[in-house]
Amino acid sequence: MLSEVVDKQVEEVFTSLKLPPNWEERLVEKIQARDEVARIIEKRDRVKERLRRLGLAFVDGLYEEDEYRRQKAGLNSQLEGLVIPEIDAAREAGRLIQNVPTLWHRANLPERSRLLSSVLTAVYVNLESGSLTQLAPKLALRDLVRVGDSTLE
């Protein structure tokens, strides 16, 4: 079953997450950086404008309803991820990452879901191949979270 395969892949990746030793200091610097805040605001504005134009294109008949709903959901998902993170919430998520293997193996299904949603904004799956393609960490953790030697994006 596809969900069992993806669940196993998510578990393997999620339980291998690592943070660098100075993750809290880097996190505070990142959150406080004005350029980052300005970038988030600018990107939110661009996504909102794309949503507006998508609605107009749908009304004008340029998109079928299924395609419109799919693109709208994707843009809304992007918009939800573009928040200016709170330091305390980001620190809590970082502490969760440090304890993920232990927490994951002790958690039941609803607890695992809450654990994933506290650290990730999305899980992307290729339905044709049945494989996990990407885990998207919350914005504040994006530059800090690592799987092995590579950054999780």
N, C-alpha and C. Protein backbone atom coordinates (compact mmCIF):
# COMPACT_ATOMS: atom_id res chain seq x y z
N MET A 1 0.84 -1.17 0.00
CA MET A 1 0.00 0.00 0.00
C MET A 1 0.89 1.24 0.00
N LEU A 2 0.54 2.24 -0.83
CA LEU A 2 1.34 3.45 -1.01
C LEU A 2 1.58 4.19 0.30
N SER A 3 0.55 4.32 1.12
CA SER A 3 0.71 5.08 2.37
C SER A 3 1.73 4.43 3.30
N GLU A 4 1.79 3.10 3.32
CA GLU A 4 2.76 2.42 4.17
C GLU A 4 4.18 2.65 3.69
N VAL A 5 4.37 2.66 2.36
CA VAL A 5 5.69 2.90 1.78
C VAL A 5 6.15 4.32 2.10
N VAL A 6 5.26 5.29 1.90
CA VAL A 6 5.59 6.69 2.17
C VAL A 6 5.82 6.90 3.66
N ASP A 7 4.99 6.31 4.50
CA ASP A 7 5.18 6.43 5.95
C ASP A 7 6.57 5.96 6.36
N LYS A 8 7.00 4.85 5.80
CA LYS A 8 8.33 4.31 6.14
C LYS A 8 9.43 5.27 5.67
N GLN A 9 9.27 5.83 4.47
CA GLN A 9 10.25 6.77 3.95
C GLN A 9 10.31 8.04 4.81
N VAL A 10 9.15 8.55 5.21
CA VAL A 10 9.10 9.73 6.07
C VAL A 10 9.80 9.42 7.39
N GLU A 11 9.53 8.26 7.94
CA GLU A 11 10.16 7.86 9.21
C GLU A 11 11.69 7.83 9.07
N GLU A 12 12.18 7.23 7.99
CA GLU A 12 13.63 7.13 7.79
C GLU A 12 14.28 8.51 7.70
N VAL A 13 13.68 9.40 6.93
CA VAL A 13 14.24 10.74 6.77
C VAL A 13 14.07 11.54 8.05
N PHE A 14 12.87 11.52 8.59
CA PHE A 14 12.56 12.34 9.76
C PHE A 14 13.40 11.97 10.97
N THR A 15 13.65 10.68 11.16
CA THR A 15 14.43 10.27 12.33
C THR A 15 15.93 10.47 12.12
N SER A 16 16.34 10.87 10.92
CA SER A 16 17.76 11.14 10.68
C SER A 16 18.06 12.64 10.68
N LEU A 17 17.07 13.48 10.99
CA LEU A 17 17.29 14.92 11.02
C LEU A 17 18.33 15.29 12.07
N LYS A 18 19.16 16.27 11.74
CA LYS A 18 20.19 16.74 12.65
C LYS A 18 20.26 18.26 12.60
N LEU A 19 20.65 18.85 13.69
CA LEU A 19 20.89 20.29 13.75
C LEU A 19 22.36 20.52 14.04
N PRO A 20 22.92 21.61 13.51
CA PRO A 20 24.32 21.91 13.84
C PRO A 20 24.44 22.30 15.31
N PRO A 21 25.63 22.18 15.89
CA PRO A 21 25.79 22.49 17.32
C PRO A 21 25.33 23.89 17.73
N ASN A 22 25.52 24.87 16.87
CA ASN A 22 25.16 26.25 17.21
C ASN A 22 23.80 26.66 16.63
N TRP A 23 22.88 25.70 16.53
CA TRP A 23 21.61 25.95 15.85
C TRP A 23 20.80 27.06 16.50
N GLU A 24 20.79 27.18 17.82
CA GLU A 24 19.96 28.21 18.45
C GLU A 24 20.47 29.61 18.12
N GLU A 25 21.78 29.80 18.15
CA GLU A 25 22.32 31.11 17.82
C GLU A 25 22.02 31.49 16.37
N ARG A 26 22.21 30.52 15.48
CA ARG A 26 21.93 30.77 14.06
C ARG A 26 20.46 31.08 13.84
N LEU A 27 19.61 30.39 14.56
CA LEU A 27 18.17 30.59 14.45
C LEU A 27 17.79 32.01 14.87
N VAL A 28 18.28 32.46 15.99
CA VAL A 28 17.98 33.81 16.47
C VAL A 28 18.48 34.85 15.47
N GLU A 29 19.69 34.66 14.97
CA GLU A 29 20.23 35.59 13.97
C GLU A 29 19.34 35.64 12.73
N LYS A 30 18.92 34.48 12.29
CA LYS A 30 18.10 34.41 11.07
C LYS A 30 16.75 35.10 11.26
N ILE A 31 16.13 34.84 12.39
CA ILE A 31 14.81 35.42 12.64
C ILE A 31 14.91 36.93 12.78
N GLN A 32 15.96 37.40 13.38
CA GLN A 32 16.09 38.83 13.63
C GLN A 32 16.61 39.60 12.42
N ALA A 33 17.09 38.91 11.43
CA ALA A 33 17.64 39.58 10.26
C ALA A 33 16.53 40.31 9.51
N ARG A 34 16.70 41.61 9.37
CA ARG A 34 15.68 42.42 8.68
C ARG A 34 15.52 42.02 7.22
N ASP A 35 16.62 41.65 6.59
CA ASP A 35 16.53 41.24 5.19
C ASP A 35 15.62 40.03 5.03
N GLU A 36 15.68 39.11 5.98
CA GLU A 36 14.84 37.92 5.92
C GLU A 36 13.37 38.29 6.06
N VAL A 37 13.07 39.19 6.99
CA VAL A 37 11.69 39.64 7.18
C VAL A 37 11.19 40.32 5.91
N ALA A 38 12.02 41.19 5.34
CA ALA A 38 11.62 41.88 4.11
C ALA A 38 11.41 40.89 2.97
N ARG A 39 12.26 39.87 2.91
CA ARG A 39 12.12 38.86 1.86
C ARG A 39 10.82 38.09 2.02
N ILE A 40 10.47 37.77 3.24
CA ILE A 40 9.23 37.03 3.49
C ILE A 40 8.03 37.88 3.09
N ILE A 41 8.03 39.14 3.48
CA ILE A 41 6.92 40.03 3.15
C ILE A 41 6.79 40.17 1.64
N GLU A 42 7.92 40.35 0.96
CA GLU A 42 7.90 40.49 -0.50
C GLU A 42 7.38 39.21 -1.17
N LYS A 43 7.84 38.06 -0.69
CA LYS A 43 7.39 36.80 -1.28
C LYS A 43 5.90 36.57 -1.01
N ARG A 44 5.42 36.92 0.19
CA ARG A 44 3.99 36.80 0.50
C ARG A 44 3.17 37.65 -0.48
N ASP A 45 3.63 38.88 -0.73
CA ASP A 45 2.94 39.76 -1.66
C ASP A 45 2.89 39.16 -3.06
N ARG A 46 4.01 38.55 -3.50
CA ARG A 46 4.04 37.93 -4.83
C ARG A 46 3.07 36.75 -4.91
N VAL A 47 3.01 35.94 -3.86
CA VAL A 47 2.11 34.78 -3.86
C VAL A 47 0.66 35.25 -3.84
N LYS A 48 0.36 36.28 -3.05
CA LYS A 48 -1.01 36.83 -3.02
C LYS A 48 -1.41 37.36 -4.40
N GLU A 49 -0.47 38.01 -5.08
CA GLU A 49 -0.75 38.51 -6.42
C GLU A 49 -0.99 37.36 -7.39
N ARG A 50 -0.21 36.29 -7.27
CA ARG A 50 -0.43 35.12 -8.13
C ARG A 50 -1.80 34.50 -7.86
N LEU A 51 -2.22 34.46 -6.60
CA LEU A 51 -3.56 33.96 -6.26
C LEU A 51 -4.64 34.82 -6.91
N ARG A 52 -4.45 36.13 -6.85
CA ARG A 52 -5.42 37.05 -7.45
C ARG A 52 -5.51 36.81 -8.96
N ARG A 53 -4.34 36.72 -9.63
CA ARG A 53 -4.33 36.51 -11.07
C ARG A 53 -4.88 35.13 -11.45
N LEU A 54 -4.62 34.13 -10.63
CA LEU A 54 -5.16 32.79 -10.87
C LEU A 54 -6.68 32.82 -10.82
N GLY A 55 -7.24 33.54 -9.85
CA GLY A 55 -8.69 33.67 -9.75
C GLY A 55 -9.28 34.33 -10.99
N LEU A 56 -8.61 35.38 -11.46
CA LEU A 56 -9.07 36.06 -12.67
C LEU A 56 -9.00 35.13 -13.88
N ALA A 57 -7.90 34.37 -13.99
CA ALA A 57 -7.75 33.44 -15.12
C ALA A 57 -8.82 32.36 -15.07
N PHE A 58 -9.18 31.90 -13.89
CA PHE A 58 -10.22 30.89 -13.75
C PHE A 58 -11.57 31.47 -14.17
N VAL A 59 -11.85 32.68 -13.71
CA VAL A 59 -13.12 33.33 -14.07
C VAL A 59 -13.19 33.54 -15.58
N ASP A 60 -12.05 33.82 -16.21
CA ASP A 60 -12.01 34.03 -17.65
C ASP A 60 -12.01 32.72 -18.44
N GLY A 61 -12.04 31.59 -17.74
CA GLY A 61 -12.12 30.30 -18.40
C GLY A 61 -10.79 29.74 -18.89
N LEU A 62 -9.69 30.28 -18.41
CA LEU A 62 -8.38 29.81 -18.86
C LEU A 62 -7.94 28.53 -18.15
N TYR A 63 -8.58 28.21 -17.03
CA TYR A 63 -8.26 27.00 -16.27
C TYR A 63 -9.52 26.20 -16.02
N GLU A 64 -9.37 24.87 -16.12
CA GLU A 64 -10.43 23.97 -15.69
C GLU A 64 -10.48 24.01 -14.16
N GLU A 65 -11.61 23.64 -13.58
CA GLU A 65 -11.78 23.73 -12.13
C GLU A 65 -10.76 22.90 -11.37
N ASP A 66 -10.46 21.69 -11.84
CA ASP A 66 -9.48 20.83 -11.14
C ASP A 66 -8.09 21.48 -11.11
N GLU A 67 -7.68 22.00 -12.25
CA GLU A 67 -6.36 22.64 -12.33
C GLU A 67 -6.33 23.90 -11.47
N TYR A 68 -7.41 24.67 -11.49
CA TYR A 68 -7.50 25.88 -10.66
C TYR A 68 -7.38 25.51 -9.19
N ARG A 69 -8.13 24.50 -8.75
CA ARG A 69 -8.09 24.10 -7.34
C ARG A 69 -6.70 23.61 -6.94
N ARG A 70 -6.05 22.85 -7.83
CA ARG A 70 -4.71 22.34 -7.55
C ARG A 70 -3.72 23.49 -7.39
N GLN A 71 -3.74 24.42 -8.33
CA GLN A 71 -2.80 25.54 -8.26
C GLN A 71 -3.10 26.45 -7.06
N LYS A 72 -4.39 26.65 -6.79
CA LYS A 72 -4.77 27.49 -5.65
C LYS A 72 -4.30 26.85 -4.34
N ALA A 73 -4.47 25.54 -4.21
CA ALA A 73 -4.02 24.84 -3.01
C ALA A 73 -2.51 24.97 -2.84
N GLY A 74 -1.78 24.84 -3.95
CA GLY A 74 -0.32 24.98 -3.89
C GLY A 74 0.10 26.38 -3.46
N LEU A 75 -0.55 27.39 -4.00
CA LEU A 75 -0.23 28.77 -3.62
C LEU A 75 -0.61 29.05 -2.18
N ASN A 76 -1.77 28.55 -1.75
CA ASN A 76 -2.17 28.74 -0.34
C ASN A 76 -1.19 28.04 0.60
N SER A 77 -0.69 26.89 0.19
CA SER A 77 0.30 26.18 1.00
C SER A 77 1.58 27.00 1.12
N GLN A 78 2.01 27.59 0.00
CA GLN A 78 3.18 28.46 0.03
C GLN A 78 2.95 29.64 0.97
N LEU A 79 1.78 30.23 0.87
CA LEU A 79 1.44 31.39 1.68
C LEU A 79 1.46 31.05 3.17
N GLU A 80 0.94 29.88 3.52
CA GLU A 80 0.93 29.45 4.92
C GLU A 80 2.34 29.28 5.46
N GLY A 81 3.26 28.88 4.61
CA GLY A 81 4.64 28.68 5.03
C GLY A 81 5.45 29.96 5.13
N LEU A 82 4.93 31.04 4.58
CA LEU A 82 5.65 32.31 4.57
C LEU A 82 5.23 33.18 5.74
N VAL A 83 5.60 32.77 6.91
CA VAL A 83 5.30 33.55 8.11
C VAL A 83 6.61 33.99 8.74
N ILE A 84 6.54 35.04 9.48
CA ILE A 84 7.71 35.50 10.22
C ILE A 84 7.69 34.74 11.52
N PRO A 85 8.61 33.81 11.67
CA PRO A 85 8.54 32.88 12.79
C PRO A 85 8.83 33.53 14.13
N GLU A 86 8.24 32.96 15.14
CA GLU A 86 8.49 33.37 16.52
C GLU A 86 9.70 32.60 17.03
N ILE A 87 10.55 33.26 17.75
CA ILE A 87 11.76 32.61 18.25
C ILE A 87 11.43 31.43 19.14
N ASP A 88 10.49 31.59 20.06
CA ASP A 88 10.17 30.50 20.99
C ASP A 88 9.62 29.28 20.25
N ALA A 89 8.74 29.49 19.29
CA ALA A 89 8.18 28.37 18.54
C ALA A 89 9.28 27.67 17.74
N ALA A 90 10.18 28.44 17.16
CA ALA A 90 11.26 27.85 16.39
C ALA A 90 12.22 27.08 17.29
N ARG A 91 12.49 27.62 18.46
CA ARG A 91 13.36 26.90 19.41
C ARG A 91 12.72 25.58 19.83
N GLU A 92 11.41 25.62 20.07
CA GLU A 92 10.71 24.39 20.46
C GLU A 92 10.81 23.35 19.35
N ALA A 93 10.62 23.79 18.11
CA ALA A 93 10.73 22.85 16.99
C ALA A 93 12.15 22.31 16.89
N GLY A 94 13.15 23.16 17.14
CA GLY A 94 14.53 22.70 17.12
C GLY A 94 14.79 21.66 18.19
N ARG A 95 14.24 21.89 19.37
CA ARG A 95 14.42 20.91 20.45
C ARG A 95 13.74 19.58 20.11
N LEU A 96 12.59 19.68 19.43
CA LEU A 96 11.92 18.45 18.98
C LEU A 96 12.81 17.67 18.02
N ILE A 97 13.45 18.39 17.10
CA ILE A 97 14.30 17.73 16.12
C ILE A 97 15.43 16.98 16.82
N GLN A 98 15.98 17.58 17.86
CA GLN A 98 17.06 16.93 18.58
C GLN A 98 16.62 15.60 19.19
N ASN A 99 15.34 15.48 19.51
CA ASN A 99 14.83 14.27 20.16
C ASN A 99 13.94 13.43 19.26
N VAL A 100 13.95 13.71 17.97
CA VAL A 100 13.04 13.03 17.04
C VAL A 100 13.13 11.51 17.09
N PRO A 101 14.30 10.91 17.01
CA PRO A 101 14.30 9.43 16.98
C PRO A 101 13.59 8.81 18.19
N THR A 102 13.87 9.32 19.37
CA THR A 102 13.23 8.79 20.57
C THR A 102 11.74 9.07 20.57
N LEU A 103 11.36 10.32 20.28
CA LEU A 103 9.95 10.69 20.27
C LEU A 103 9.18 9.89 19.22
N TRP A 104 9.76 9.74 18.04
CA TRP A 104 9.09 9.07 16.93
C TRP A 104 8.75 7.62 17.29
N HIS A 105 9.70 6.92 17.84
CA HIS A 105 9.49 5.50 18.12
C HIS A 105 8.52 5.27 19.27
N ARG A 106 8.36 6.25 20.13
CA ARG A 106 7.43 6.13 21.25
C ARG A 106 6.04 6.64 20.91
N ALA A 107 5.91 7.40 19.83
CA ALA A 107 4.65 8.07 19.50
C ALA A 107 3.67 7.15 18.78
N ASN A 108 2.37 7.40 19.01
CA ASN A 108 1.34 6.73 18.23
C ASN A 108 1.08 7.57 16.97
N LEU A 109 0.18 7.13 16.11
CA LEU A 109 -0.04 7.80 14.83
C LEU A 109 -0.44 9.27 14.98
N PRO A 110 -1.42 9.63 15.82
CA PRO A 110 -1.76 11.07 15.96
C PRO A 110 -0.59 11.89 16.52
N GLU A 111 0.18 11.32 17.42
CA GLU A 111 1.33 12.04 17.97
C GLU A 111 2.41 12.24 16.91
N ARG A 112 2.60 11.25 16.05
CA ARG A 112 3.56 11.39 14.96
C ARG A 112 3.12 12.49 14.00
N SER A 113 1.83 12.56 13.74
CA SER A 113 1.29 13.60 12.87
C SER A 113 1.56 14.98 13.46
N ARG A 114 1.32 15.14 14.76
CA ARG A 114 1.58 16.43 15.42
C ARG A 114 3.07 16.76 15.40
N LEU A 115 3.89 15.75 15.58
CA LEU A 115 5.33 15.95 15.56
C LEU A 115 5.78 16.44 14.18
N LEU A 116 5.29 15.79 13.14
CA LEU A 116 5.61 16.22 11.78
C LEU A 116 5.14 17.65 11.51
N SER A 117 3.91 17.96 11.90
CA SER A 117 3.37 19.29 11.59
C SER A 117 4.02 20.39 12.42
N SER A 118 4.67 20.04 13.52
CA SER A 118 5.35 21.08 14.30
C SER A 118 6.70 21.46 13.69
N VAL A 119 7.22 20.63 12.81
CA VAL A 119 8.53 20.87 12.22
C VAL A 119 8.45 21.11 10.71
N LEU A 120 7.46 20.53 10.04
CA LEU A 120 7.37 20.61 8.58
C LEU A 120 6.16 21.41 8.12
N THR A 121 6.31 22.02 6.94
CA THR A 121 5.15 22.67 6.33
C THR A 121 4.49 21.76 5.30
N ALA A 122 5.27 20.81 4.75
CA ALA A 122 4.70 19.93 3.73
C ALA A 122 5.55 18.68 3.56
N VAL A 123 4.89 17.62 3.08
CA VAL A 123 5.54 16.38 2.68
C VAL A 123 5.11 16.14 1.24
N TYR A 124 6.07 16.05 0.32
CA TYR A 124 5.76 15.87 -1.08
C TYR A 124 6.04 14.43 -1.50
N VAL A 125 5.09 13.85 -2.25
CA VAL A 125 5.18 12.46 -2.67
C VAL A 125 4.92 12.38 -4.16
N ASN A 126 5.72 11.59 -4.86
CA ASN A 126 5.48 11.29 -6.26
C ASN A 126 4.52 10.11 -6.30
N LEU A 127 3.28 10.37 -6.68
CA LEU A 127 2.26 9.32 -6.65
C LEU A 127 2.50 8.22 -7.68
N GLU A 128 3.17 8.58 -8.77
CA GLU A 128 3.44 7.56 -9.79
C GLU A 128 4.46 6.54 -9.32
N SER A 129 5.54 7.04 -8.70
CA SER A 129 6.59 6.12 -8.25
C SER A 129 6.37 5.65 -6.83
N GLY A 130 5.48 6.33 -6.10
CA GLY A 130 5.22 5.96 -4.71
C GLY A 130 6.36 6.30 -3.79
N SER A 131 7.12 7.35 -4.15
CA SER A 131 8.27 7.68 -3.31
C SER A 131 8.18 9.11 -2.78
N LEU A 132 8.77 9.29 -1.64
CA LEU A 132 8.88 10.59 -1.01
C LEU A 132 9.84 11.43 -1.84
N THR A 133 9.45 12.65 -2.19
CA THR A 133 10.34 13.49 -2.98
C THR A 133 10.92 14.64 -2.17
N GLN A 134 10.19 15.12 -1.15
CA GLN A 134 10.70 16.25 -0.40
C GLN A 134 9.95 16.41 0.91
N LEU A 135 10.68 16.81 1.95
CA LEU A 135 10.10 17.27 3.21
C LEU A 135 10.45 18.75 3.29
N ALA A 136 9.46 19.59 3.55
CA ALA A 136 9.70 21.03 3.62
C ALA A 136 9.62 21.49 5.07
N PRO A 137 10.77 21.83 5.68
CA PRO A 137 10.75 22.28 7.08
C PRO A 137 10.16 23.67 7.20
N LYS A 138 9.70 24.00 8.38
CA LYS A 138 9.19 25.34 8.64
C LYS A 138 10.30 26.33 8.32
N LEU A 139 9.91 27.51 7.90
CA LEU A 139 10.84 28.52 7.40
C LEU A 139 11.99 28.78 8.36
N ALA A 140 11.72 28.93 9.63
CA ALA A 140 12.77 29.26 10.59
C ALA A 140 13.82 28.17 10.68
N LEU A 141 13.45 26.94 10.36
CA LEU A 141 14.38 25.82 10.48
C LEU A 141 15.02 25.42 9.16
N ARG A 142 14.56 26.01 8.07
CA ARG A 142 14.96 25.56 6.73
C ARG A 142 16.48 25.50 6.55
N ASP A 143 17.20 26.52 7.02
CA ASP A 143 18.65 26.53 6.82
C ASP A 143 19.40 25.74 7.86
N LEU A 144 18.72 25.28 8.88
CA LEU A 144 19.37 24.57 9.97
C LEU A 144 19.24 23.06 9.88
N VAL A 145 18.10 22.60 9.40
CA VAL A 145 17.80 21.16 9.41
C VAL A 145 18.65 20.45 8.37
N ARG A 146 19.27 19.36 8.79
CA ARG A 146 20.11 18.58 7.89
C ARG A 146 19.75 17.10 8.01
N VAL A 147 19.83 16.43 6.87
CA VAL A 147 19.70 14.98 6.84
C VAL A 147 21.05 14.49 6.36
N GLY A 148 21.78 13.85 7.23
CA GLY A 148 23.14 13.45 6.87
C GLY A 148 23.96 14.70 6.63
N ASP A 149 24.50 14.81 5.40
CA ASP A 149 25.34 15.95 5.07
C ASP A 149 24.64 16.98 4.21
N SER A 150 23.35 16.80 3.92
CA SER A 150 22.68 17.73 3.03
C SER A 150 21.55 18.46 3.76
N THR A 151 21.32 19.70 3.35
CA THR A 151 20.25 20.50 3.95
C THR A 151 18.91 20.02 3.43
N LEU A 152 17.93 19.95 4.31
CA LEU A 152 16.57 19.54 3.94
C LEU A 152 15.85 20.75 3.40
N GLU A 153 15.32 20.67 2.19
CA GLU A 153 14.61 21.81 1.60
C GLU A 153 13.24 21.40 1.15
